[in-house]
Amino acid sequence: MNFQILPNRFKTIGLILFIIGFVIPLILAFTSGFSEPYTSNETSRLSEKVIDSSLSKWLDILTIVGMLIYMLSKEKVEDDYIIKLRLESYQIATILCLIVIIILHIINNEMMFNVSDFIYAFIILYLITFYLKKKVIV
């Protein structure tokens, strides 16, 4: 089963989209800390203090799309072994995310999360496990 629908050149496009969607709120939040260092509202996200919620939502979507494009792009050398590593990485990331969700629900079932938090966690876990499997075994 082959899920790589994008050629290798899309890895750079996905990385650029991820950096744009991740760095803009980070820079804005960092610079707002210099202008208003002691004003804090702990009920809202740091990026929503600086930029409005609709722009924050679009930047979250841009970050997720960038990571998905990177994740679904082929490697320079794509063979059956890389496909096997991808499948194992998907399985490990899925199992780890489900375990974390269950543990967090057991600890405190009133804890509130955004769906994007779990999507970030899944994609980042996948990328880490795929990278480690590829580097350790190859």
Foldseek 3Di string as FASTA:
>chain_A
DAQQPAEQVLLVVLVVLLCVLPVVLVVQLVVVCVVPVPDDDVVDDSSCVRPPPVVNVVSLVSNLVSLVSNLSYADPDDDPVLVVLLVVLLVVLVVVLVVVVVVVCVVPVVDDDDPSVSSVSSSVSSVVSSVCVVVVPD
